[in-house]
Amino acid sequence: MEVTSVLLFLLTLFAPSGRALLDSIAYRNKAKGVAEILRAQRAVDRPQLDVEQGRGQGTARD
């Protein structure tokens, strides 16, 4: 019985920090997903630079 009460005490002691850790991980995963969606939308909205126009190769345009 003593072991059970000690385990319950430790569980209640560390539960808030475990919850905060899980919330932090969930927030980071959500932020990564949002960033990936934004990058994909920008890639669709903005076409690639055209090589024939001399852009994207580091050439000087006078």
N, C-alpha and C. Protein backbone atom coordinates (compact mmCIF):
# COMPACT_ATOMS: atom_id res chain seq x y z
N MET A 1 0.82 -1.20 0.00
CA MET A 1 0.00 0.00 0.00
C MET A 1 0.86 1.26 0.00
N GLU A 2 2.00 1.18 0.68
CA GLU A 2 2.88 2.35 0.73
C GLU A 2 3.45 2.67 -0.65
N VAL A 3 3.76 1.63 -1.42
CA VAL A 3 4.31 1.83 -2.75
C VAL A 3 3.29 2.52 -3.64
N THR A 4 2.04 2.10 -3.52
CA THR A 4 0.98 2.69 -4.33
C THR A 4 0.79 4.17 -3.98
N SER A 5 0.81 4.49 -2.72
CA SER A 5 0.63 5.89 -2.32
C SER A 5 1.81 6.75 -2.77
N VAL A 6 3.01 6.20 -2.73
CA VAL A 6 4.18 6.94 -3.20
C VAL A 6 4.09 7.17 -4.71
N LEU A 7 3.68 6.14 -5.45
CA LEU A 7 3.52 6.29 -6.90
C LEU A 7 2.46 7.32 -7.24
N LEU A 8 1.34 7.30 -6.53
CA LEU A 8 0.29 8.30 -6.77
C LEU A 8 0.78 9.71 -6.44
N PHE A 9 1.54 9.82 -5.37
CA PHE A 9 2.10 11.13 -5.00
C PHE A 9 3.03 11.64 -6.10
N LEU A 10 3.92 10.78 -6.58
CA LEU A 10 4.85 11.19 -7.64
C LEU A 10 4.12 11.52 -8.93
N LEU A 11 3.08 10.78 -9.22
CA LEU A 11 2.30 11.06 -10.42
C LEU A 11 1.64 12.43 -10.35
N THR A 12 1.06 12.76 -9.22
CA THR A 12 0.42 14.08 -9.06
C THR A 12 1.46 15.19 -9.01
N LEU A 13 2.67 14.86 -8.55
CA LEU A 13 3.72 15.87 -8.47
C LEU A 13 4.25 16.23 -9.86
N PHE A 14 4.41 15.22 -10.73
CA PHE A 14 4.99 15.45 -12.04
C PHE A 14 3.96 15.62 -13.16
N ALA A 15 2.71 15.50 -12.89
CA ALA A 15 1.68 15.62 -13.93
C ALA A 15 1.67 17.00 -14.60
N PRO A 16 1.74 18.10 -13.87
CA PRO A 16 1.72 19.41 -14.54
C PRO A 16 2.91 19.63 -15.47
N SER A 17 4.08 19.21 -15.10
CA SER A 17 5.24 19.41 -15.97
C SER A 17 5.15 18.52 -17.21
N GLY A 18 4.60 17.32 -17.06
CA GLY A 18 4.39 16.45 -18.22
C GLY A 18 3.37 17.03 -19.17
N ARG A 19 2.35 17.63 -18.64
CA ARG A 19 1.33 18.29 -19.46
C ARG A 19 1.93 19.46 -20.23
N ALA A 20 2.77 20.24 -19.57
CA ALA A 20 3.41 21.38 -20.23
C ALA A 20 4.34 20.90 -21.34
N LEU A 21 5.02 19.79 -21.11
CA LEU A 21 5.90 19.25 -22.14
C LEU A 21 5.10 18.81 -23.36
N LEU A 22 4.00 18.12 -23.12
CA LEU A 22 3.15 17.69 -24.24
C LEU A 22 2.55 18.87 -24.99
N ASP A 23 2.15 19.90 -24.27
CA ASP A 23 1.62 21.11 -24.92
C ASP A 23 2.69 21.79 -25.78
N SER A 24 3.93 21.82 -25.28
CA SER A 24 5.03 22.43 -26.03
C SER A 24 5.31 21.66 -27.31
N ILE A 25 5.31 20.34 -27.22
CA ILE A 25 5.55 19.51 -28.40
C ILE A 25 4.43 19.70 -29.41
N ALA A 26 3.19 19.74 -28.94
CA ALA A 26 2.06 19.93 -29.84
C ALA A 26 2.12 21.29 -30.52
N TYR A 27 2.51 22.33 -29.78
CA TYR A 27 2.61 23.67 -30.36
C TYR A 27 3.68 23.71 -31.45
N ARG A 28 4.82 23.07 -31.19
CA ARG A 28 5.89 23.07 -32.18
C ARG A 28 5.47 22.31 -33.44
N ASN A 29 4.79 21.19 -33.27
CA ASN A 29 4.34 20.43 -34.44
C ASN A 29 3.33 21.23 -35.26
N LYS A 30 2.44 21.94 -34.58
CA LYS A 30 1.46 22.76 -35.29
C LYS A 30 2.15 23.90 -36.04
N ALA A 31 3.13 24.53 -35.41
CA ALA A 31 3.86 25.63 -36.05
C ALA A 31 4.62 25.14 -37.27
N LYS A 32 5.22 23.95 -37.19
CA LYS A 32 5.92 23.39 -38.36
C LYS A 32 4.94 23.14 -39.50
N GLY A 33 3.77 22.63 -39.19
CA GLY A 33 2.76 22.37 -40.21
C GLY A 33 2.29 23.64 -40.88
N VAL A 34 2.05 24.67 -40.09
CA VAL A 34 1.61 25.95 -40.64
C VAL A 34 2.69 26.55 -41.53
N ALA A 35 3.95 26.47 -41.10
CA ALA A 35 5.05 27.00 -41.90
C ALA A 35 5.17 26.25 -43.22
N GLU A 36 4.98 24.95 -43.18
CA GLU A 36 5.07 24.16 -44.42
C GLU A 36 3.94 24.52 -45.38
N ILE A 37 2.75 24.76 -44.86
CA ILE A 37 1.63 25.15 -45.71
C ILE A 37 1.89 26.51 -46.33
N LEU A 38 2.42 27.45 -45.54
CA LEU A 38 2.72 28.79 -46.08
C LEU A 38 3.78 28.72 -47.17
N ARG A 39 4.82 27.90 -46.96
CA ARG A 39 5.86 27.75 -47.99
C ARG A 39 5.28 27.17 -49.27
N ALA A 40 4.40 26.20 -49.14
CA ALA A 40 3.79 25.58 -50.32
C ALA A 40 2.91 26.58 -51.06
N GLN A 41 2.16 27.39 -50.32
CA GLN A 41 1.31 28.39 -50.97
C GLN A 41 2.14 29.44 -51.68
N ARG A 42 3.25 29.85 -51.08
CA ARG A 42 4.12 30.84 -51.72
C ARG A 42 4.76 30.26 -52.97
N ALA A 43 5.10 28.99 -52.95
CA ALA A 43 5.70 28.35 -54.12
C ALA A 43 4.71 28.30 -55.28
N VAL A 44 3.44 28.11 -54.97
CA VAL A 44 2.41 28.06 -56.01
C VAL A 44 2.12 29.47 -56.53
N ASP A 45 2.05 30.44 -55.63
CA ASP A 45 1.72 31.81 -56.01
C ASP A 45 2.85 32.49 -56.76
N ARG A 46 4.08 32.19 -56.45
CA ARG A 46 5.23 32.85 -57.05
C ARG A 46 5.94 31.86 -57.98
N PRO A 47 5.89 32.08 -59.28
CA PRO A 47 6.57 31.15 -60.20
C PRO A 47 8.08 31.24 -60.04
N GLN A 48 8.77 30.21 -60.46
CA GLN A 48 10.22 30.17 -60.39
C GLN A 48 10.81 31.23 -61.32
N LEU A 49 11.98 31.73 -60.96
CA LEU A 49 12.64 32.73 -61.79
C LEU A 49 13.04 32.10 -63.11
N ASP A 50 12.86 32.85 -64.17
CA ASP A 50 13.13 32.35 -65.50
C ASP A 50 14.62 32.45 -65.80
N VAL A 51 15.24 31.36 -66.19
CA VAL A 51 16.66 31.33 -66.48
C VAL A 51 16.96 32.10 -67.76
N GLU A 52 16.05 32.10 -68.72
CA GLU A 52 16.26 32.79 -69.98
C GLU A 52 16.37 34.30 -69.79
N GLN A 53 15.77 34.83 -68.75
CA GLN A 53 15.84 36.26 -68.50
C GLN A 53 17.10 36.66 -67.75
N GLY A 54 17.94 35.69 -67.42
CA GLY A 54 19.18 36.00 -66.73
C GLY A 54 19.03 36.15 -65.24
N ARG A 55 17.91 35.77 -64.70
CA ARG A 55 17.69 35.89 -63.26
C ARG A 55 18.01 34.56 -62.59
N GLY A 56 18.45 34.66 -61.38
CA GLY A 56 18.71 33.46 -60.60
C GLY A 56 20.09 32.87 -60.80
N GLN A 57 20.91 33.48 -61.66
CA GLN A 57 22.24 32.96 -61.88
C GLN A 57 23.32 33.87 -61.34
N GLY A 58 22.94 34.94 -60.72
CA GLY A 58 23.91 35.88 -60.18
C GLY A 58 24.52 36.80 -61.22
N THR A 59 23.89 36.96 -62.39
CA THR A 59 24.42 37.83 -63.43
C THR A 59 23.96 39.26 -63.18
N ALA A 60 24.79 40.20 -63.58
CA ALA A 60 24.47 41.61 -63.41
C ALA A 60 23.60 42.06 -64.59
N ARG A 61 22.59 42.85 -64.28
CA ARG A 61 21.73 43.40 -65.32
C ARG A 61 21.99 44.89 -65.42
N ASP A 62 22.44 45.35 -66.57
CA ASP A 62 22.73 46.79 -66.76
C ASP A 62 21.61 47.45 -67.48
